[in-house]
Structures are given as C-alpha cells and as structure tokens.
Amino acid sequence: MPHKTVVLTDREKAIVAISNAISVYSVYAKNSNMLPKNTSLIDFVLKSTPTELKKEISMDLIDEIFEHVSKTQS
C-alpha cells in the first residue's frame, strides 16, 4: 500500500510554529540568561515564526494556542 503524503495548510504550519515558540519560550523563561531582556512571549513568537506564515498569526490564535499548551504542560 503506497504511503499517502499529507500537506499542511499555512494555518496549520503557523499553529505548529506558534506552539513550538511558546514551548521554547517557557523553557527559556525558567533561565533568565537564555532570553534577551524585555522579550515578551508575543515578541518571541513573532520573531520565531517564518515570514511566510506571519499572515496567519493573530492575537486570538496565539491566546488560544497558549491556553491549550498551558493546560497540557501543567
């Protein structure tokens, strides 16, 4: 049986990028030497997301993903 390739949409790729950035930020935030001073989560997400996916990002999406990641990491 041939393997079926799944292609992610840009929105799905943005969700993955945001989720990853939130997870990395939370690890870095535990050691203040790892994050540049005054770097907010939003700044970190925006700097970590590839340019071609930024059009998919909104504050609502970041909030929704942050809430989900927070619940699953607790």
C-alpha atoms as a PDB file:
ATOM      1  CA  MET A   1       0.000   0.000   0.000  1.00  0.00           C
ATOM      2  CA  PRO A   2       1.560   3.353  -1.028  1.00  0.00           C
ATOM      3  CA  HIS A   3       2.243   5.965   1.627  1.00  0.00           C
ATOM      4  CA  LYS A   4      -0.108   8.935   1.420  1.00  0.00           C
ATOM      5  CA  THR A   5       1.513  12.352   1.832  1.00  0.00           C
ATOM      6  CA  VAL A   6      -0.321  14.890   3.961  1.00  0.00           C
ATOM      7  CA  VAL A   7       0.226  18.537   3.110  1.00  0.00           C
ATOM      8  CA  LEU A   8      -0.293  21.049   5.908  1.00  0.00           C
ATOM      9  CA  THR A   9      -2.018  24.342   5.229  1.00  0.00           C
ATOM     10  CA  ASP A  10      -0.249  27.596   6.089  1.00  0.00           C
ATOM     11  CA  ARG A  11      -2.607  27.987   9.058  1.00  0.00           C
ATOM     12  CA  GLU A  12      -1.643  24.544  10.362  1.00  0.00           C
ATOM     13  CA  LYS A  13       2.044  25.332   9.882  1.00  0.00           C
ATOM     14  CA  ALA A  14       1.538  28.616  11.798  1.00  0.00           C
ATOM     15  CA  ILE A  15      -0.142  26.720  14.640  1.00  0.00           C
ATOM     16  CA  VAL A  16       2.843  24.366  14.839  1.00  0.00           C
ATOM     17  CA  ALA A  17       5.295  27.290  14.778  1.00  0.00           C
ATOM     18  CA  ILE A  18       3.399  29.190  17.488  1.00  0.00           C
ATOM     19  CA  SER A  19       3.096  26.113  19.691  1.00  0.00           C
ATOM     20  CA  ASN A  20       6.787  25.406  19.340  1.00  0.00           C
ATOM     21  CA  ALA A  21       7.714  29.021  20.104  1.00  0.00           C
ATOM     22  CA  ILE A  22       5.538  29.028  23.231  1.00  0.00           C
ATOM     23  CA  SER A  23       7.158  25.813  24.465  1.00  0.00           C
ATOM     24  CA  VAL A  24      10.681  27.100  23.804  1.00  0.00           C
ATOM     25  CA  TYR A  25       9.859  30.454  25.424  1.00  0.00           C
ATOM     26  CA  SER A  26       8.608  28.717  28.565  1.00  0.00           C
ATOM     27  CA  VAL A  27      11.851  26.717  28.810  1.00  0.00           C
ATOM     28  CA  TYR A  28      13.964  29.838  28.226  1.00  0.00           C
ATOM     29  CA  ALA A  29      11.907  31.856  30.703  1.00  0.00           C
ATOM     30  CA  LYS A  30      12.973  29.485  33.504  1.00  0.00           C
ATOM     31  CA  ASN A  31      16.564  30.647  32.983  1.00  0.00           C
ATOM     32  CA  SER A  32      16.668  34.425  32.614  1.00  0.00           C
ATOM     33  CA  ASN A  33      20.089  34.265  30.904  1.00  0.00           C
ATOM     34  CA  MET A  34      18.580  32.469  27.902  1.00  0.00           C
ATOM     35  CA  LEU A  35      16.129  35.202  26.866  1.00  0.00           C
ATOM     36  CA  PRO A  36      17.067  38.713  25.771  1.00  0.00           C
ATOM     37  CA  LYS A  37      15.898  41.273  28.335  1.00  0.00           C
ATOM     38  CA  ASN A  38      12.329  42.534  27.978  1.00  0.00           C
ATOM     39  CA  THR A  39      11.362  39.896  25.420  1.00  0.00           C
ATOM     40  CA  SER A  40       7.659  39.168  25.705  1.00  0.00           C
ATOM     41  CA  LEU A  41       6.029  35.954  24.614  1.00  0.00           C
ATOM     42  CA  ILE A  42       4.401  37.788  21.703  1.00  0.00           C
ATOM     43  CA  ASP A  43       7.763  39.210  20.567  1.00  0.00           C
ATOM     44  CA  PHE A  44       9.329  35.764  20.803  1.00  0.00           C
ATOM     45  CA  VAL A  45       6.511  34.137  18.804  1.00  0.00           C
ATOM     46  CA  LEU A  46       6.688  36.786  16.094  1.00  0.00           C
ATOM     47  CA  LYS A  47      10.482  36.568  15.819  1.00  0.00           C
ATOM     48  CA  SER A  48      10.357  32.762  15.741  1.00  0.00           C
ATOM     49  CA  THR A  49       7.690  32.425  13.078  1.00  0.00           C
ATOM     50  CA  PRO A  50       8.809  32.227   9.448  1.00  0.00           C
ATOM     51  CA  THR A  51       7.900  35.341   7.461  1.00  0.00           C
ATOM     52  CA  GLU A  52       5.656  33.460   5.049  1.00  0.00           C
ATOM     53  CA  LEU A  53       3.435  32.292   7.945  1.00  0.00           C
ATOM     54  CA  LYS A  54       3.063  35.621   9.775  1.00  0.00           C
ATOM     55  CA  LYS A  55      -0.057  36.491   7.770  1.00  0.00           C
ATOM     56  CA  GLU A  56      -1.782  33.580   9.537  1.00  0.00           C
ATOM     57  CA  ILE A  57      -0.993  34.834  13.055  1.00  0.00           C
ATOM     58  CA  SER A  58      -3.435  36.769  15.208  1.00  0.00           C
ATOM     59  CA  MET A  59      -3.545  37.570  18.915  1.00  0.00           C
ATOM     60  CA  ASP A  60      -6.616  35.338  19.232  1.00  0.00           C
ATOM     61  CA  LEU A  61      -4.745  32.412  17.695  1.00  0.00           C
ATOM     62  CA  ILE A  62      -1.722  32.944  19.961  1.00  0.00           C
ATOM     63  CA  ASP A  63      -4.011  33.178  23.011  1.00  0.00           C
ATOM     64  CA  GLU A  64      -5.878  30.013  22.036  1.00  0.00           C
ATOM     65  CA  ILE A  65      -2.680  28.048  21.495  1.00  0.00           C
ATOM     66  CA  PHE A  66      -1.104  29.433  24.684  1.00  0.00           C
ATOM     67  CA  GLU A  67      -4.145  28.328  26.679  1.00  0.00           C
ATOM     68  CA  HIS A  68      -4.001  24.850  25.167  1.00  0.00           C
ATOM     69  CA  VAL A  69      -0.232  24.466  25.654  1.00  0.00           C
ATOM     70  CA  SER A  70      -0.504  25.719  29.247  1.00  0.00           C
ATOM     71  CA  LYS A  71      -3.163  23.129  30.056  1.00  0.00           C
ATOM     72  CA  THR A  72      -1.221  20.272  28.509  1.00  0.00           C
ATOM     73  CA  GLN A  73       2.079  21.195  30.199  1.00  0.00           C
ATOM     74  CA  SER A  74       0.607  21.512  33.683  1.00  0.00           C
END
